[in-house]
Amino acid sequence: MLKVYGLKNCDTCRKVMKALDGAELVDVRAEGVPEEVMQAAYEQFGDALANTRSTTWRNLGEAERKQPVLALIQEHPALMKRPLIERDGTLYLGWGKDTQEALL
């Protein structure tokens, strides 16, 4: 089972879906990320789970930015760094060379 958590209009997520045959895209705005997957991702990636270069992050106030990452992502799903890929219980974050080598 190969799931890609991201946004359907995200260019990187589109590239991933083309590259990974048979992957299922889970739109985080429409469907969200299951709590257990989010918790496991946070334990593995920590605060790197939030995309601090995104427009969503830049539009947050100082007080909001100090909230815990999981709470922020739950409130603003587009804030999650994309894509979060789950394959056979293993999580990958982003679409860098290391992720591509592991999945292709």
PDB file of N, CA and C in Angstrom:
ATOM      1  N   MET A   1       0.853  -1.182   0.000  1.00  0.00           N
ATOM      2  CA  MET A   1       0.000   0.000   0.000  1.00  0.00           C
ATOM      3  C   MET A   1       0.895   1.240   0.000  1.00  0.00           C
ATOM      4  N   LEU A   2       0.635   2.118  -0.927  1.00  0.00           N
ATOM      5  CA  LEU A   2       1.425   3.338  -1.080  1.00  0.00           C
ATOM      6  C   LEU A   2       0.477   4.530  -1.048  1.00  0.00           C
ATOM      7  N   LYS A   3       0.606   5.348   0.000  1.00  0.00           N
ATOM      8  CA  LYS A   3      -0.247   6.534   0.131  1.00  0.00           C
ATOM      9  C   LYS A   3       0.617   7.785   0.124  1.00  0.00           C
ATOM     10  N   VAL A   4       0.126   8.774  -0.600  1.00  0.00           N
ATOM     11  CA  VAL A   4       0.799  10.064  -0.673  1.00  0.00           C
ATOM     12  C   VAL A   4      -0.134  11.093  -0.053  1.00  0.00           C
ATOM     13  N   TYR A   5       0.283  11.647   1.085  1.00  0.00           N
ATOM     14  CA  TYR A   5      -0.500  12.699   1.739  1.00  0.00           C
ATOM     15  C   TYR A   5       0.013  14.035   1.234  1.00  0.00           C
ATOM     16  N   GLY A   6      -0.862  14.786   0.592  1.00  0.00           N
ATOM     17  CA  GLY A   6      -0.460  16.065   0.024  1.00  0.00           C
ATOM     18  C   GLY A   6      -1.664  16.832  -0.457  1.00  0.00           C
ATOM     19  N   LEU A   7      -1.450  17.673  -1.453  1.00  0.00           N
ATOM     20  CA  LEU A   7      -2.529  18.470  -2.036  1.00  0.00           C
ATOM     21  C   LEU A   7      -2.634  18.145  -3.514  1.00  0.00           C
ATOM     22  N   LYS A   8      -3.846  18.035  -4.007  1.00  0.00           N
ATOM     23  CA  LYS A   8      -4.023  17.652  -5.408  1.00  0.00           C
ATOM     24  C   LYS A   8      -3.502  18.709  -6.379  1.00  0.00           C
ATOM     25  N   ASN A   9      -3.384  19.963  -5.933  1.00  0.00           N
ATOM     26  CA  ASN A   9      -2.889  21.016  -6.816  1.00  0.00           C
ATOM     27  C   ASN A   9      -1.424  21.391  -6.543  1.00  0.00           C
ATOM     28  N   CYS A  10      -0.722  20.557  -5.762  1.00  0.00           N
ATOM     29  CA  CYS A  10       0.691  20.792  -5.453  1.00  0.00           C
ATOM     30  C   CYS A  10       1.547  20.184  -6.566  1.00  0.00           C
ATOM     31  N   ASP A  11       2.432  20.972  -7.163  1.00  0.00           N
ATOM     32  CA  ASP A  11       3.274  20.499  -8.262  1.00  0.00           C
ATOM     33  C   ASP A  11       4.134  19.298  -7.857  1.00  0.00           C
ATOM     34  N   THR A  12       4.724  19.359  -6.674  1.00  0.00           N
ATOM     35  CA  THR A  12       5.561  18.254  -6.220  1.00  0.00           C
ATOM     36  C   THR A  12       4.727  16.993  -6.038  1.00  0.00           C
ATOM     37  N   CYS A  13       3.539  17.124  -5.488  1.00  0.00           N
ATOM     38  CA  CYS A  13       2.667  15.964  -5.295  1.00  0.00           C
ATOM     39  C   CYS A  13       2.268  15.360  -6.641  1.00  0.00           C
ATOM     40  N   ARG A  14       2.060  16.201  -7.625  1.00  0.00           N
ATOM     41  CA  ARG A  14       1.749  15.696  -8.972  1.00  0.00           C
ATOM     42  C   ARG A  14       2.917  14.900  -9.545  1.00  0.00           C
ATOM     43  N   LYS A  15       4.145  15.402  -9.352  1.00  0.00           N
ATOM     44  CA  LYS A  15       5.338  14.686  -9.818  1.00  0.00           C
ATOM     45  C   LYS A  15       5.431  13.312  -9.158  1.00  0.00           C
ATOM     46  N   VAL A  16       5.163  13.288  -7.856  1.00  0.00           N
ATOM     47  CA  VAL A  16       5.227  12.035  -7.102  1.00  0.00           C
ATOM     48  C   VAL A  16       4.196  11.048  -7.637  1.00  0.00           C
ATOM     49  N   MET A  17       2.995  11.514  -7.900  1.00  0.00           N
ATOM     50  CA  MET A  17       1.934  10.624  -8.378  1.00  0.00           C
ATOM     51  C   MET A  17       2.275  10.056  -9.759  1.00  0.00           C
ATOM     52  N   LYS A  18       2.952  10.847 -10.591  1.00  0.00           N
ATOM     53  CA  LYS A  18       3.379  10.343 -11.903  1.00  0.00           C
ATOM     54  C   LYS A  18       4.473   9.290 -11.751  1.00  0.00           C
ATOM     55  N   ALA A  19       5.379   9.527 -10.814  1.00  0.00           N
ATOM     56  CA  ALA A  19       6.528   8.649 -10.641  1.00  0.00           C
ATOM     57  C   ALA A  19       6.187   7.342  -9.928  1.00  0.00           C
ATOM     58  N   LEU A  20       5.232   7.387  -9.010  1.00  0.00           N
ATOM     59  CA  LEU A  20       4.906   6.208  -8.207  1.00  0.00           C
ATOM     60  C   LEU A  20       3.627   5.564  -8.710  1.00  0.00           C
ATOM     61  N   ASP A  21       3.801   4.568  -9.519  1.00  0.00           N
ATOM     62  CA  ASP A  21       2.664   3.853 -10.105  1.00  0.00           C
ATOM     63  C   ASP A  21       1.811   3.196  -9.020  1.00  0.00           C
ATOM     64  N   GLY A  22       0.511   3.406  -9.083  1.00  0.00           N
ATOM     65  CA  GLY A  22      -0.407   2.762  -8.148  1.00  0.00           C
ATOM     66  C   GLY A  22      -0.538   3.459  -6.801  1.00  0.00           C
ATOM     67  N   ALA A  23       0.083   4.618  -6.646  1.00  0.00           N
ATOM     68  CA  ALA A  23      -0.020   5.349  -5.382  1.00  0.00           C
ATOM     69  C   ALA A  23      -1.402   5.994  -5.266  1.00  0.00           C
ATOM     70  N   GLU A  24      -1.849   6.136  -4.037  1.00  0.00           N
ATOM     71  CA  GLU A  24      -3.141   6.785  -3.763  1.00  0.00           C
ATOM     72  C   GLU A  24      -2.864   8.150  -3.144  1.00  0.00           C
ATOM     73  N   LEU A  25      -3.419   9.203  -3.742  1.00  0.00           N
ATOM     74  CA  LEU A  25      -3.260  10.553  -3.197  1.00  0.00           C
ATOM     75  C   LEU A  25      -4.357  10.819  -2.182  1.00  0.00           C
ATOM     76  N   VAL A  26      -3.957  11.214  -0.989  1.00  0.00           N
ATOM     77  CA  VAL A  26      -4.892  11.619   0.051  1.00  0.00           C
ATOM     78  C   VAL A  26      -4.741  13.127   0.201  1.00  0.00           C
ATOM     79  N   ASP A  27      -5.770  13.877  -0.232  1.00  0.00           N
ATOM     80  CA  ASP A  27      -5.726  15.334  -0.157  1.00  0.00           C
ATOM     81  C   ASP A  27      -5.908  15.749   1.308  1.00  0.00           C
ATOM     82  N   VAL A  28      -4.880  16.369   1.879  1.00  0.00           N
ATOM     83  CA  VAL A  28      -4.926  16.693   3.306  1.00  0.00           C
ATOM     84  C   VAL A  28      -5.949  17.774   3.642  1.00  0.00           C
ATOM     85  N   ARG A  29      -6.296  18.606   2.676  1.00  0.00           N
ATOM     86  CA  ARG A  29      -7.344  19.608   2.938  1.00  0.00           C
ATOM     87  C   ARG A  29      -8.717  18.953   3.015  1.00  0.00           C
ATOM     88  N   ALA A  30      -8.983  18.031   2.095  1.00  0.00           N
ATOM     89  CA  ALA A  30     -10.302  17.412   2.012  1.00  0.00           C
ATOM     90  C   ALA A  30     -10.468  16.254   2.993  1.00  0.00           C
ATOM     91  N   GLU A  31      -9.432  15.417   3.110  1.00  0.00           N
ATOM     92  CA  GLU A  31      -9.563  14.185   3.889  1.00  0.00           C
ATOM     93  C   GLU A  31      -8.766  14.183   5.189  1.00  0.00           C
ATOM     94  N   GLY A  32      -7.746  15.014   5.279  1.00  0.00           N
ATOM     95  CA  GLY A  32      -6.902  15.018   6.466  1.00  0.00           C
ATOM     96  C   GLY A  32      -5.946  13.837   6.483  1.00  0.00           C
ATOM     97  N   VAL A  33      -5.141  13.770   7.519  1.00  0.00           N
ATOM     98  CA  VAL A  33      -4.195  12.681   7.722  1.00  0.00           C
ATOM     99  C   VAL A  33      -4.633  11.949   8.984  1.00  0.00           C
ATOM    100  N   PRO A  34      -4.740  10.618   8.936  1.00  0.00           N
ATOM    101  CA  PRO A  34      -5.139   9.882  10.140  1.00  0.00           C
ATOM    102  C   PRO A  34      -4.242  10.235  11.334  1.00  0.00           C
ATOM    103  N   GLU A  35      -4.843  10.317  12.497  1.00  0.00           N
ATOM    104  CA  GLU A  35      -4.137  10.722  13.716  1.00  0.00           C
ATOM    105  C   GLU A  35      -2.890   9.881  13.974  1.00  0.00           C
ATOM    106  N   GLU A  36      -2.993   8.551  13.788  1.00  0.00           N
ATOM    107  CA  GLU A  36      -1.842   7.682  14.073  1.00  0.00           C
ATOM    108  C   GLU A  36      -0.703   7.923  13.085  1.00  0.00           C
ATOM    109  N   VAL A  37      -1.032   8.249  11.837  1.00  0.00           N
ATOM    110  CA  VAL A  37      -0.003   8.546  10.839  1.00  0.00           C
ATOM    111  C   VAL A  37       0.668   9.876  11.182  1.00  0.00           C
ATOM    112  N   MET A  38      -0.141  10.853  11.566  1.00  0.00           N
ATOM    113  CA  MET A  38       0.391  12.176  11.926  1.00  0.00           C
ATOM    114  C   MET A  38       1.316  12.073  13.134  1.00  0.00           C
ATOM    115  N   GLN A  39       0.913  11.292  14.123  1.00  0.00           N
ATOM    116  CA  GLN A  39       1.720  11.127  15.332  1.00  0.00           C
ATOM    117  C   GLN A  39       3.049  10.443  14.999  1.00  0.00           C
ATOM    118  N   ALA A  40       2.992   9.393  14.190  1.00  0.00           N
ATOM    119  CA  ALA A  40       4.211   8.688  13.791  1.00  0.00           C
ATOM    120  C   ALA A  40       5.128   9.614  12.986  1.00  0.00           C
ATOM    121  N   ALA A  41       4.536  10.419  12.109  1.00  0.00           N
ATOM    122  CA  ALA A  41       5.324  11.357  11.306  1.00  0.00           C
ATOM    123  C   ALA A  41       6.003  12.386  12.202  1.00  0.00           C
ATOM    124  N   TYR A  42       5.279  12.871  13.201  1.00  0.00           N
ATOM    125  CA  TYR A  42       5.870  13.861  14.104  1.00  0.00           C
ATOM    126  C   TYR A  42       7.003  13.249  14.919  1.00  0.00           C
ATOM    127  N   GLU A  43       6.807  12.003  15.363  1.00  0.00           N
ATOM    128  CA  GLU A  43       7.859  11.333  16.131  1.00  0.00           C
ATOM    129  C   GLU A  43       9.118  11.144  15.276  1.00  0.00           C
ATOM    130  N   GLN A  44       8.927  10.902  13.986  1.00  0.00           N
ATOM    131  CA  GLN A  44      10.062  10.664  13.094  1.00  0.00           C
ATOM    132  C   GLN A  44      10.714  11.963  12.601  1.00  0.00           C
ATOM    133  N   PHE A  45       9.900  12.952  12.239  1.00  0.00           N
ATOM    134  CA  PHE A  45      10.432  14.161  11.592  1.00  0.00           C
ATOM    135  C   PHE A  45      10.423  15.402  12.485  1.00  0.00           C
ATOM    136  N   GLY A  46       9.683  15.374  13.575  1.00  0.00           N
ATOM    137  CA  GLY A  46       9.624  16.515  14.489  1.00  0.00           C
ATOM    138  C   GLY A  46       9.069  17.765  13.824  1.00  0.00           C
ATOM    139  N   ASP A  47       9.644  18.906  14.160  1.00  0.00           N
ATOM    140  CA  ASP A  47       9.151  20.186  13.646  1.00  0.00           C
ATOM    141  C   ASP A  47       9.381  20.358  12.148  1.00  0.00           C
ATOM    142  N   ALA A  48      10.198  19.496  11.534  1.00  0.00           N
ATOM    143  CA  ALA A  48      10.419  19.555  10.087  1.00  0.00           C
ATOM    144  C   ALA A  48       9.136  19.213   9.325  1.00  0.00           C
ATOM    145  N   LEU A  49       8.142  18.703  10.030  1.00  0.00           N
ATOM    146  CA  LEU A  49       6.857  18.371   9.423  1.00  0.00           C
ATOM    147  C   LEU A  49       6.114  19.622   8.947  1.00  0.00           C
ATOM    148  N   ALA A  50       6.455  20.767   9.516  1.00  0.00           N
ATOM    149  CA  ALA A  50       5.826  22.032   9.107  1.00  0.00           C
ATOM    150  C   ALA A  50       6.687  22.699   8.040  1.00  0.00           C
ATOM    151  N   ASN A  51       6.037  23.164   6.988  1.00  0.00           N
ATOM    152  CA  ASN A  51       6.729  23.866   5.910  1.00  0.00           C
ATOM    153  C   ASN A  51       6.810  25.346   6.265  1.00  0.00           C
ATOM    154  N   THR A  52       7.933  25.750   6.817  1.00  0.00           N
ATOM    155  CA  THR A  52       8.090  27.134   7.273  1.00  0.00           C
ATOM    156  C   THR A  52       8.429  28.096   6.133  1.00  0.00           C
ATOM    157  N   ARG A  53       8.485  27.581   4.903  1.00  0.00           N
ATOM    158  CA  ARG A  53       8.705  28.461   3.746  1.00  0.00           C
ATOM    159  C   ARG A  53       7.401  28.723   2.993  1.00  0.00           C
ATOM    160  N   SER A  54       6.308  28.178   3.484  1.00  0.00           N
ATOM    161  CA  SER A  54       5.035  28.281   2.776  1.00  0.00           C
ATOM    162  C   SER A  54       4.348  29.628   3.007  1.00  0.00           C
ATOM    163  N   THR A  55       3.444  29.930   2.117  1.00  0.00           N
ATOM    164  CA  THR A  55       2.622  31.143   2.258  1.00  0.00           C
ATOM    165  C   THR A  55       1.790  31.054   3.529  1.00  0.00           C
ATOM    166  N   THR A  56       1.285  29.880   3.817  1.00  0.00           N
ATOM    167  CA  THR A  56       0.474  29.689   5.028  1.00  0.00           C
ATOM    168  C   THR A  56       1.276  30.077   6.261  1.00  0.00           C
ATOM    169  N   TRP A  57       2.532  29.637   6.341  1.00  0.00           N
ATOM    170  CA  TRP A  57       3.383  29.961   7.487  1.00  0.00           C
ATOM    171  C   TRP A  57       3.620  31.466   7.572  1.00  0.00           C
ATOM    172  N   ARG A  58       3.918  32.076   6.438  1.00  0.00           N
ATOM    173  CA  ARG A  58       4.193  33.526   6.435  1.00  0.00           C
ATOM    174  C   ARG A  58       2.981  34.339   6.862  1.00  0.00           C
ATOM    175  N   ASN A  59       1.784  33.805   6.630  1.00  0.00           N
ATOM    176  CA  ASN A  59       0.569  34.527   7.000  1.00  0.00           C
ATOM    177  C   ASN A  59       0.162  34.329   8.459  1.00  0.00           C
ATOM    178  N   LEU A  60       0.868  33.448   9.177  1.00  0.00           N
ATOM    179  CA  LEU A  60       0.559  33.229  10.587  1.00  0.00           C
ATOM    180  C   LEU A  60       1.164  34.338  11.430  1.00  0.00           C
ATOM    181  N   GLY A  61       0.477  34.682  12.508  1.00  0.00           N
ATOM    182  CA  GLY A  61       1.016  35.659  13.447  1.00  0.00           C
ATOM    183  C   GLY A  61       2.049  35.006  14.348  1.00  0.00           C
ATOM    184  N   GLU A  62       2.798  35.822  15.073  1.00  0.00           N
ATOM    185  CA  GLU A  62       3.837  35.301  15.965  1.00  0.00           C
ATOM    186  C   GLU A  62       3.272  34.338  16.999  1.00  0.00           C
ATOM    187  N   ALA A  63       2.121  34.680  17.571  1.00  0.00           N
ATOM    188  CA  ALA A  63       1.515  33.825  18.593  1.00  0.00           C
ATOM    189  C   ALA A  63       1.142  32.460  18.011  1.00  0.00           C
ATOM    190  N   GLU A  64       0.605  32.456  16.801  1.00  0.00           N
ATOM    191  CA  GLU A  64       0.225  31.191  16.166  1.00  0.00           C
ATOM    192  C   GLU A  64       1.448  30.327  15.883  1.00  0.00           C
ATOM    193  N   ARG A  65       2.529  30.941  15.461  1.00  0.00           N
ATOM    194  CA  ARG A  65       3.746  30.186  15.127  1.00  0.00           C
ATOM    195  C   ARG A  65       4.335  29.469  16.333  1.00  0.00           C
ATOM    196  N   LYS A  66       4.004  29.927  17.522  1.00  0.00           N
ATOM    197  CA  LYS A  66       4.537  29.315  18.742  1.00  0.00           C
ATOM    198  C   LYS A  66       3.720  28.109  19.198  1.00  0.00           C
ATOM    199  N   GLN A  67       2.600  27.847  18.532  1.00  0.00           N
ATOM    200  CA  GLN A  67       1.780  26.681  18.877  1.00  0.00           C
ATOM    201  C   GLN A  67       2.522  25.406  18.503  1.00  0.00           C
ATOM    202  N   PRO A  68       2.154  24.281  19.137  1.00  0.00           N
ATOM    203  CA  PRO A  68       2.769  23.003  18.748  1.00  0.00           C
ATOM    204  C   PRO A  68       2.489  22.693  17.269  1.00  0.00           C
ATOM    205  N   VAL A  69       3.467  22.093  16.603  1.00  0.00           N
ATOM    206  CA  VAL A  69       3.386  21.816  15.168  1.00  0.00           C
ATOM    207  C   VAL A  69       2.148  21.002  14.809  1.00  0.00           C
ATOM    208  N   LEU A  70       1.851  19.959  15.579  1.00  0.00           N
ATOM    209  CA  LEU A  70       0.697  19.122  15.251  1.00  0.00           C
ATOM    210  C   LEU A  70      -0.611  19.907  15.313  1.00  0.00           C
ATOM    211  N   ALA A  71      -0.737  20.795  16.285  1.00  0.00           N
ATOM    212  CA  ALA A  71      -1.943  21.619  16.399  1.00  0.00           C
ATOM    213  C   ALA A  71      -2.054  22.569  15.209  1.00  0.00           C
ATOM    214  N   LEU A  72      -0.939  23.146  14.810  1.00  0.00           N
ATOM    215  CA  LEU A  72      -0.933  24.058  13.659  1.00  0.00           C
ATOM    216  C   LEU A  72      -1.338  23.342  12.377  1.00  0.00           C
ATOM    217  N   ILE A  73      -0.793  22.148  12.162  1.00  0.00           N
ATOM    218  CA  ILE A  73      -1.106  21.402  10.948  1.00  0.00           C
ATOM    219  C   ILE A  73      -2.567  20.956  10.945  1.00  0.00           C
ATOM    220  N   GLN A  74      -3.081  20.621  12.114  1.00  0.00           N
ATOM    221  CA  GLN A  74      -4.487  20.238  12.192  1.00  0.00           C
ATOM    222  C   GLN A  74      -5.383  21.423  11.823  1.00  0.00           C
ATOM    223  N   GLU A  75      -4.994  22.594  12.247  1.00  0.00           N
ATOM    224  CA  GLU A  75      -5.771  23.803  11.953  1.00  0.00           C
ATOM    225  C   GLU A  75      -5.554  24.292  10.519  1.00  0.00           C
ATOM    226  N   HIS A  76      -4.321  24.150  10.019  1.00  0.00           N
ATOM    227  CA  HIS A  76      -3.946  24.599   8.670  1.00  0.00           C
ATOM    228  C   HIS A  76      -3.268  23.442   7.940  1.00  0.00           C
ATOM    229  N   PRO A  77      -4.032  22.521   7.327  1.00  0.00           N
ATOM    230  CA  PRO A  77      -3.446  21.332   6.691  1.00  0.00           C
ATOM    231  C   PRO A  77      -2.403  21.646   5.616  1.00  0.00           C
ATOM    232  N   ALA A  78      -2.545  22.763   4.917  1.00  0.00           N
ATOM    233  CA  ALA A  78      -1.590  23.115   3.861  1.00  0.00           C
ATOM    234  C   ALA A  78      -0.217  23.470   4.427  1.00  0.00           C
ATOM    235  N   LEU A  79      -0.111  23.599   5.737  1.00  0.00           N
ATOM    236  CA  LEU A  79       1.151  23.930   6.384  1.00  0.00           C
ATOM    237  C   LEU A  79       2.095  22.723   6.439  1.00  0.00           C
ATOM    238  N   MET A  80       1.545  21.526   6.270  1.00  0.00           N
ATOM    239  CA  MET A  80       2.365  20.317   6.326  1.00  0.00           C
ATOM    240  C   MET A  80       3.318  20.270   5.132  1.00  0.00           C
ATOM    241  N   LYS A  81       4.573  19.931   5.410  1.00  0.00           N
ATOM    242  CA  LYS A  81       5.529  19.759   4.308  1.00  0.00           C
ATOM    243  C   LYS A  81       5.042  18.594   3.454  1.00  0.00           C
ATOM    244  N   ARG A  82       5.132  18.782   2.144  1.00  0.00           N
ATOM    245  CA  ARG A  82       4.581  17.783   1.236  1.00  0.00           C
ATOM    246  C   ARG A  82       5.657  17.251   0.308  1.00  0.00           C
ATOM    247  N   PRO A  83       5.420  16.055  -0.130  1.00  0.00           N
ATOM    248  CA  PRO A  83       4.416  15.094   0.316  1.00  0.00           C
ATOM    249  C   PRO A  83       4.920  14.284   1.512  1.00  0.00           C
ATOM    250  N   LEU A  84       3.977  13.735   2.241  1.00  0.00           N
ATOM    251  CA  LEU A  84       4.261  12.745   3.274  1.00  0.00           C
ATOM    252  C   LEU A  84       3.844  11.423   2.641  1.00  0.00           C
ATOM    253  N   ILE A  85       4.799  10.532   2.469  1.00  0.00           N
ATOM    254  CA  ILE A  85       4.541   9.278   1.755  1.00  0.00           C
ATOM    255  C   ILE A  85       4.629   8.114   2.742  1.00  0.00           C
ATOM    256  N   GLU A  86       3.634   7.231   2.671  1.00  0.00           N
ATOM    257  CA  GLU A  86       3.614   6.051   3.525  1.00  0.00           C
ATOM    258  C   GLU A  86       3.642   4.805   2.646  1.00  0.00           C
ATOM    259  N   ARG A  87       4.653   3.978   2.850  1.00  0.00           N
ATOM    260  CA  ARG A  87       4.725   2.708   2.130  1.00  0.00           C
ATOM    261  C   ARG A  87       5.055   1.602   3.124  1.00  0.00           C
ATOM    262  N   ASP A  88       4.146   0.676   3.246  1.00  0.00           N
ATOM    263  CA  ASP A  88       4.323  -0.482   4.129  1.00  0.00           C
ATOM    264  C   ASP A  88       4.758  -0.070   5.536  1.00  0.00           C
ATOM    265  N   GLY A  89       4.140   0.964   6.068  1.00  0.00           N
ATOM    266  CA  GLY A  89       4.430   1.400   7.433  1.00  0.00           C
ATOM    267  C   GLY A  89       5.639   2.312   7.574  1.00  0.00           C
ATOM    268  N   THR A  90       6.381   2.549   6.483  1.00  0.00           N
ATOM    269  CA  THR A  90       7.537   3.445   6.527  1.00  0.00           C
ATOM    270  C   THR A  90       7.122   4.800   5.967  1.00  0.00           C
ATOM    271  N   LEU A  91       7.554   5.872   6.645  1.00  0.00           N
ATOM    272  CA  LEU A  91       7.192   7.230   6.236  1.00  0.00           C
ATOM    273  C   LEU A  91       8.386   7.942   5.601  1.00  0.00           C
ATOM    274  N   TYR A  92       8.082   8.728   4.580  1.00  0.00           N
ATOM    275  CA  TYR A  92       9.072   9.558   3.893  1.00  0.00           C
ATOM    276  C   TYR A  92       8.499  10.965   3.801  1.00  0.00           C
ATOM    277  N   LEU A  93       9.343  11.974   3.988  1.00  0.00           N
ATOM    278  CA  LEU A  93       8.883  13.356   3.933  1.00  0.00           C
ATOM    279  C   LEU A  93       9.619  14.088   2.823  1.00  0.00           C
ATOM    280  N   GLY A  94       8.842  14.708   1.923  1.00  0.00           N
ATOM    281  CA  GLY A  94       9.436  15.454   0.814  1.00  0.00           C
ATOM    282  C   GLY A  94       9.734  14.531  -0.356  1.00  0.00           C
ATOM    283  N   TRP A  95      10.285  15.088  -1.415  1.00  0.00           N
ATOM    284  CA  TRP A  95      10.588  14.335  -2.622  1.00  0.00           C
ATOM    285  C   TRP A  95      12.034  14.580  -3.034  1.00  0.00           C
ATOM    286  N   GLY A  96      12.931  14.527  -2.047  1.00  0.00           N
ATOM    287  CA  GLY A  96      14.354  14.705  -2.323  1.00  0.00           C
ATOM    288  C   GLY A  96      14.963  13.441  -2.899  1.00  0.00           C
ATOM    289  N   LYS A  97      16.233  13.515  -3.229  1.00  0.00           N
ATOM    290  CA  LYS A  97      16.940  12.387  -3.846  1.00  0.00           C
ATOM    291  C   LYS A  97      16.870  11.126  -2.975  1.00  0.00           C
ATOM    292  N   ASP A  98      16.994  11.290  -1.652  1.00  0.00           N
ATOM    293  CA  ASP A  98      16.965  10.127  -0.769  1.00  0.00           C
ATOM    294  C   ASP A  98      15.620   9.410  -0.826  1.00  0.00           C
ATOM    295  N   THR A  99      14.539  10.157  -0.840  1.00  0.00           N
ATOM    296  CA  THR A  99      13.193   9.567  -0.934  1.00  0.00           C
ATOM    297  C   THR A  99      13.008   8.912  -2.285  1.00  0.00           C
ATOM    298  N   GLN A 100      13.442   9.582  -3.339  1.00  0.00           N
ATOM    299  CA  GLN A 100      13.300   9.020  -4.695  1.00  0.00           C
ATOM    300  C   GLN A 100      14.066   7.709  -4.813  1.00  0.00           C
ATOM    301  N   GLU A 101      15.286   7.670  -4.280  1.00  0.00           N
ATOM    302  CA  GLU A 101      16.084   6.448  -4.353  1.00  0.00           C
ATOM    303  C   GLU A 101      15.419   5.308  -3.592  1.00  0.00           C
ATOM    304  N   ALA A 102      14.804   5.624  -2.464  1.00  0.00           N
ATOM    305  CA  ALA A 102      14.165   4.596  -1.651  1.00  0.00           C
ATOM    306  C   ALA A 102      12.893   4.040  -2.297  1.00  0.00           C
ATOM    307  N   LEU A 103      12.199   4.881  -3.061  1.00  0.00           N
ATOM    308  CA  LEU A 103      10.886   4.477  -3.577  1.00  0.00           C
ATOM    309  C   LEU A 103      10.854   4.104  -5.043  1.00  0.00           C
ATOM    310  N   LEU A 104      11.850   4.489  -5.821  1.00  0.00           N
ATOM    311  CA  LEU A 104      11.825   4.189  -7.255  1.00  0.00           C
ATOM    312  C   LEU A 104      12.643   2.957  -7.594  1.00  0.00           C
TER     313      LEU A 104
END
